[in-house]
Amino acid sequence: MKTFFAIAALAAAGMASAQAPQPQAPQMAAANPSASASLTIRFEQITAPTGRILMSVYDSETAHDKGGKPARVGMVEVDGATATLTLTGLAPGRYAIKVFHDVDGDGQMKTNPFGMPLEPFAFSNGARPEGGPALWKAASFDVPTGASETRISFQ
């Protein structure tokens, strides 16, 4: 049950800022402004072709595992079995992503009275919940300079 309360907290905390994301200016790497990365995220196994996918992208283990502020948030409308979103201007490095499919488009993850999610969710790297949202060590992956892609399948 702790797993589901933590996932619900993900929706309320980390995803709250993703409810109405504004276009973000590209963020360049501080140490080397010419080194930047783009990441295309392909969302798969979408079971309801409605609503939108809300996501939080983390660039540190502390922020990811301890409910800190995401480095980026994003949203993509859903109209089929897959959806794609590209983030540009990322600093090359290690990232982890938490997402949920807001099927009804209200900006919040639906849960039952016990906090169990009623809308699909997923984590980068195919990571599974471990007593709460998947941990950084399972969900994190490297984003190199230049263009890269990752796939996230809903659970």
C-alpha atoms as a PDB file:
ATOM      1  CA  MET A   1       0.000   0.000   0.000  1.00  0.00           C
ATOM      2  CA  LYS A   2       2.957   2.298   0.688  1.00  0.00           C
ATOM      3  CA  THR A   3       3.782   1.967  -3.009  1.00  0.00           C
ATOM      4  CA  PHE A   4       0.508   3.473  -4.013  1.00  0.00           C
ATOM      5  CA  PHE A   5       0.607   6.324  -1.499  1.00  0.00           C
ATOM      6  CA  ALA A   6       4.035   7.261  -2.816  1.00  0.00           C
ATOM      7  CA  ILE A   7       2.835   7.130  -6.414  1.00  0.00           C
ATOM      8  CA  ALA A   8      -0.135   9.280  -5.494  1.00  0.00           C
ATOM      9  CA  ALA A   9       2.292  11.710  -3.873  1.00  0.00           C
ATOM     10  CA  LEU A  10       4.170  11.766  -7.180  1.00  0.00           C
ATOM     11  CA  ALA A  11       1.019  12.953  -8.864  1.00  0.00           C
ATOM     12  CA  ALA A  12       0.363  15.589  -6.234  1.00  0.00           C
ATOM     13  CA  ALA A  13       3.925  16.864  -5.792  1.00  0.00           C
ATOM     14  CA  GLY A  14       6.190  16.303  -8.762  1.00  0.00           C
ATOM     15  CA  MET A  15       3.406  16.375 -11.296  1.00  0.00           C
ATOM     16  CA  ALA A  16       1.533  19.344  -9.865  1.00  0.00           C
ATOM     17  CA  SER A  17       3.761  21.704 -11.786  1.00  0.00           C
ATOM     18  CA  ALA A  18       3.148  19.669 -14.936  1.00  0.00           C
ATOM     19  CA  GLN A  19      -0.577  20.407 -14.947  1.00  0.00           C
ATOM     20  CA  ALA A  20      -0.194  23.372 -17.255  1.00  0.00           C
ATOM     21  CA  PRO A  21       3.379  23.330 -18.459  1.00  0.00           C
ATOM     22  CA  GLN A  22       4.569  26.398 -20.228  1.00  0.00           C
ATOM     23  CA  PRO A  23       6.976  26.182 -23.145  1.00  0.00           C
ATOM     24  CA  GLN A  24      10.430  26.061 -21.633  1.00  0.00           C
ATOM     25  CA  ALA A  25      13.433  27.843 -23.036  1.00  0.00           C
ATOM     26  CA  PRO A  26      16.270  25.423 -23.698  1.00  0.00           C
ATOM     27  CA  GLN A  27      18.586  25.009 -20.729  1.00  0.00           C
ATOM     28  CA  MET A  28      22.221  24.767 -21.654  1.00  0.00           C
ATOM     29  CA  ALA A  29      24.961  23.021 -19.708  1.00  0.00           C
ATOM     30  CA  ALA A  30      26.549  25.526 -17.338  1.00  0.00           C
ATOM     31  CA  ALA A  31      30.129  24.311 -17.622  1.00  0.00           C
ATOM     32  CA  ASN A  32      30.174  24.073 -21.411  1.00  0.00           C
ATOM     33  CA  PRO A  33      27.446  26.073 -23.150  1.00  0.00           C
ATOM     34  CA  SER A  34      28.170  24.373 -26.484  1.00  0.00           C
ATOM     35  CA  ALA A  35      27.499  20.901 -25.047  1.00  0.00           C
ATOM     36  CA  SER A  36      23.787  20.199 -25.096  1.00  0.00           C
ATOM     37  CA  ALA A  37      21.584  17.195 -25.558  1.00  0.00           C
ATOM     38  CA  SER A  38      18.107  16.471 -26.802  1.00  0.00           C
ATOM     39  CA  LEU A  39      16.046  13.545 -25.620  1.00  0.00           C
ATOM     40  CA  THR A  40      13.093  12.112 -27.516  1.00  0.00           C
ATOM     41  CA  ILE A  41      10.786  10.101 -25.277  1.00  0.00           C
ATOM     42  CA  ARG A  42       8.467   7.606 -26.934  1.00  0.00           C
ATOM     43  CA  PHE A  43       5.563   6.540 -24.712  1.00  0.00           C
ATOM     44  CA  GLU A  44       4.198   3.083 -25.537  1.00  0.00           C
ATOM     45  CA  GLN A  45       1.443   0.706 -24.434  1.00  0.00           C
ATOM     46  CA  ILE A  46      -1.059   3.517 -24.105  1.00  0.00           C
ATOM     47  CA  THR A  47      -4.388   1.801 -23.495  1.00  0.00           C
ATOM     48  CA  ALA A  48      -6.740   4.814 -23.741  1.00  0.00           C
ATOM     49  CA  PRO A  49      -6.284   7.186 -26.695  1.00  0.00           C
ATOM     50  CA  THR A  50      -7.442  10.239 -24.699  1.00  0.00           C
ATOM     51  CA  GLY A  51      -6.069  12.751 -22.223  1.00  0.00           C
ATOM     52  CA  ARG A  52      -2.413  13.582 -21.848  1.00  0.00           C
ATOM     53  CA  ILE A  53       0.806  12.260 -20.440  1.00  0.00           C
ATOM     54  CA  LEU A  54       2.387  14.301 -17.666  1.00  0.00           C
ATOM     55  CA  MET A  55       6.016  13.741 -16.736  1.00  0.00           C
ATOM     56  CA  SER A  56       8.720  14.901 -14.375  1.00  0.00           C
ATOM     57  CA  VAL A  57      12.389  14.632 -15.340  1.00  0.00           C
ATOM     58  CA  TYR A  58      14.986  14.474 -12.570  1.00  0.00           C
ATOM     59  CA  ASP A  59      18.717  15.088 -12.784  1.00  0.00           C
ATOM     60  CA  SER A  60      19.756  13.904  -9.314  1.00  0.00           C
ATOM     61  CA  GLU A  61      19.165  10.936  -7.050  1.00  0.00           C
ATOM     62  CA  THR A  62      18.226  13.190  -4.146  1.00  0.00           C
ATOM     63  CA  ALA A  63      15.535  15.069  -6.059  1.00  0.00           C
ATOM     64  CA  HIS A  64      14.185  11.859  -7.600  1.00  0.00           C
ATOM     65  CA  ASP A  65      14.091   9.672  -4.494  1.00  0.00           C
ATOM     66  CA  LYS A  66      13.309  12.335  -1.873  1.00  0.00           C
ATOM     67  CA  GLY A  67      10.493  14.218  -3.619  1.00  0.00           C
ATOM     68  CA  GLY A  68      12.626  17.144  -4.773  1.00  0.00           C
ATOM     69  CA  LYS A  69      11.959  19.533  -7.611  1.00  0.00           C
ATOM     70  CA  PRO A  70      12.163  18.073 -11.116  1.00  0.00           C
ATOM     71  CA  ALA A  71      14.711  19.505 -13.551  1.00  0.00           C
ATOM     72  CA  ARG A  72      11.994  19.592 -16.222  1.00  0.00           C
ATOM     73  CA  VAL A  73       8.300  18.855 -16.547  1.00  0.00           C
ATOM     74  CA  GLY A  74       6.452  18.093 -19.717  1.00  0.00           C
ATOM     75  CA  MET A  75       3.125  17.165 -21.218  1.00  0.00           C
ATOM     76  CA  VAL A  76       2.017  15.544 -24.439  1.00  0.00           C
ATOM     77  CA  GLU A  77      -1.524  15.076 -25.712  1.00  0.00           C
ATOM     78  CA  VAL A  78      -2.579  11.474 -26.372  1.00  0.00           C
ATOM     79  CA  ASP A  79      -4.470  10.485 -29.502  1.00  0.00           C
ATOM     80  CA  GLY A  80      -3.318   6.918 -30.147  1.00  0.00           C
ATOM     81  CA  ALA A  81      -1.363   3.954 -28.810  1.00  0.00           C
ATOM     82  CA  THR A  82       1.917   5.900 -28.722  1.00  0.00           C
ATOM     83  CA  ALA A  83       2.999   9.482 -28.075  1.00  0.00           C
ATOM     84  CA  THR A  84       6.301  11.279 -28.463  1.00  0.00           C
ATOM     85  CA  LEU A  85       7.864  14.256 -26.709  1.00  0.00           C
ATOM     86  CA  THR A  86      11.298  15.800 -27.320  1.00  0.00           C
ATOM     87  CA  LEU A  87      13.217  17.766 -24.721  1.00  0.00           C
ATOM     88  CA  THR A  88      15.934  20.063 -26.035  1.00  0.00           C
ATOM     89  CA  GLY A  89      18.700  22.026 -24.371  1.00  0.00           C
ATOM     90  CA  LEU A  90      19.420  19.402 -21.721  1.00  0.00           C
ATOM     91  CA  ALA A  91      22.827  19.233 -20.125  1.00  0.00           C
ATOM     92  CA  PRO A  92      24.387  15.853 -20.943  1.00  0.00           C
ATOM     93  CA  GLY A  93      24.199  13.670 -17.849  1.00  0.00           C
ATOM     94  CA  ARG A  94      22.140  11.164 -15.925  1.00  0.00           C
ATOM     95  CA  TYR A  95      18.347  11.503 -15.734  1.00  0.00           C
ATOM     96  CA  ALA A  96      15.269   9.604 -14.520  1.00  0.00           C
ATOM     97  CA  ILE A  97      11.640  10.132 -15.546  1.00  0.00           C
ATOM     98  CA  LYS A  98       8.331   9.607 -13.732  1.00  0.00           C
ATOM     99  CA  VAL A  99       5.133   9.740 -15.797  1.00  0.00           C
ATOM    100  CA  PHE A 100       1.432   9.138 -15.571  1.00  0.00           C
ATOM    101  CA  HIS A 101      -1.299   9.044 -18.191  1.00  0.00           C
ATOM    102  CA  ASP A 102      -3.942  11.570 -17.220  1.00  0.00           C
ATOM    103  CA  VAL A 103      -6.674   9.726 -19.101  1.00  0.00           C
ATOM    104  CA  ASP A 104      -9.455  12.162 -18.209  1.00  0.00           C
ATOM    105  CA  GLY A 105      -7.293  15.263 -18.737  1.00  0.00           C
ATOM    106  CA  ASP A 106      -7.945  16.818 -15.321  1.00  0.00           C
ATOM    107  CA  GLY A 107      -4.238  17.250 -14.443  1.00  0.00           C
ATOM    108  CA  GLN A 108      -4.344  14.870 -11.486  1.00  0.00           C
ATOM    109  CA  MET A 109      -3.637  11.184 -11.013  1.00  0.00           C
ATOM    110  CA  LYS A 110      -6.842   9.454  -9.991  1.00  0.00           C
ATOM    111  CA  THR A 111      -6.500   7.163  -6.977  1.00  0.00           C
ATOM    112  CA  ASN A 112      -8.876   5.009  -5.004  1.00  0.00           C
ATOM    113  CA  PRO A 113      -9.577   5.748  -1.310  1.00  0.00           C
ATOM    114  CA  PHE A 114      -6.475   3.743  -0.361  1.00  0.00           C
ATOM    115  CA  GLY A 115      -4.191   5.811  -2.602  1.00  0.00           C
ATOM    116  CA  MET A 116      -3.839   3.151  -5.293  1.00  0.00           C
ATOM    117  CA  PRO A 117      -3.468   4.675  -8.769  1.00  0.00           C
ATOM    118  CA  LEU A 118      -6.403   4.333 -11.120  1.00  0.00           C
ATOM    119  CA  GLU A 119      -4.579   5.849 -14.094  1.00  0.00           C
ATOM    120  CA  PRO A 120      -1.548   4.300 -15.820  1.00  0.00           C
ATOM    121  CA  PHE A 121       1.942   5.278 -14.664  1.00  0.00           C
ATOM    122  CA  ALA A 122       5.500   4.421 -15.623  1.00  0.00           C
ATOM    123  CA  PHE A 123       9.153   5.102 -14.946  1.00  0.00           C
ATOM    124  CA  SER A 124      12.140   5.425 -17.239  1.00  0.00           C
ATOM    125  CA  ASN A 125      14.431   2.492 -17.878  1.00  0.00           C
ATOM    126  CA  GLY A 126      11.544   0.050 -17.366  1.00  0.00           C
ATOM    127  CA  ALA A 127      11.964   0.476 -13.602  1.00  0.00           C
ATOM    128  CA  ARG A 128       9.329  -0.993 -11.301  1.00  0.00           C
ATOM    129  CA  PRO A 129       7.933   0.456  -8.068  1.00  0.00           C
ATOM    130  CA  GLU A 130       9.872  -0.529  -4.934  1.00  0.00           C
ATOM    131  CA  GLY A 131       7.707   0.293  -1.913  1.00  0.00           C
ATOM    132  CA  GLY A 132       6.877   3.547  -3.716  1.00  0.00           C
ATOM    133  CA  PRO A 133       7.973   5.060  -6.996  1.00  0.00           C
ATOM    134  CA  ALA A 134      10.913   3.338  -8.682  1.00  0.00           C
ATOM    135  CA  LEU A 135      14.275   4.359  -7.262  1.00  0.00           C
ATOM    136  CA  TRP A 136      16.889   6.433  -9.090  1.00  0.00           C
ATOM    137  CA  LYS A 137      19.297   3.502  -9.290  1.00  0.00           C
ATOM    138  CA  ALA A 138      16.729   1.549 -11.342  1.00  0.00           C
ATOM    139  CA  ALA A 139      15.182   4.413 -13.340  1.00  0.00           C
ATOM    140  CA  SER A 140      18.195   6.542 -14.247  1.00  0.00           C
ATOM    141  CA  PHE A 141      19.925   6.489 -17.617  1.00  0.00           C
ATOM    142  CA  ASP A 142      22.599   8.511 -19.418  1.00  0.00           C
ATOM    143  CA  VAL A 143      21.789  11.242 -21.908  1.00  0.00           C
ATOM    144  CA  PRO A 144      24.860  11.972 -24.053  1.00  0.00           C
ATOM    145  CA  THR A 145      25.657  15.132 -25.986  1.00  0.00           C
ATOM    146  CA  GLY A 146      23.563  15.321 -29.139  1.00  0.00           C
ATOM    147  CA  ALA A 147      20.292  13.561 -29.882  1.00  0.00           C
ATOM    148  CA  SER A 148      19.141  10.425 -28.072  1.00  0.00           C
ATOM    149  CA  GLU A 149      15.912   8.506 -27.533  1.00  0.00           C
ATOM    150  CA  THR A 150      14.307   6.449 -24.795  1.00  0.00           C
ATOM    151  CA  ARG A 151      11.072   4.475 -24.591  1.00  0.00           C
ATOM    152  CA  ILE A 152       8.701   4.320 -21.652  1.00  0.00           C
ATOM    153  CA  SER A 153       5.953   1.671 -21.485  1.00  0.00           C
ATOM    154  CA  PHE A 154       2.976   2.076 -19.181  1.00  0.00           C
ATOM    155  CA  GLN A 155       2.321  -0.470 -16.453  1.00  0.00           C
END
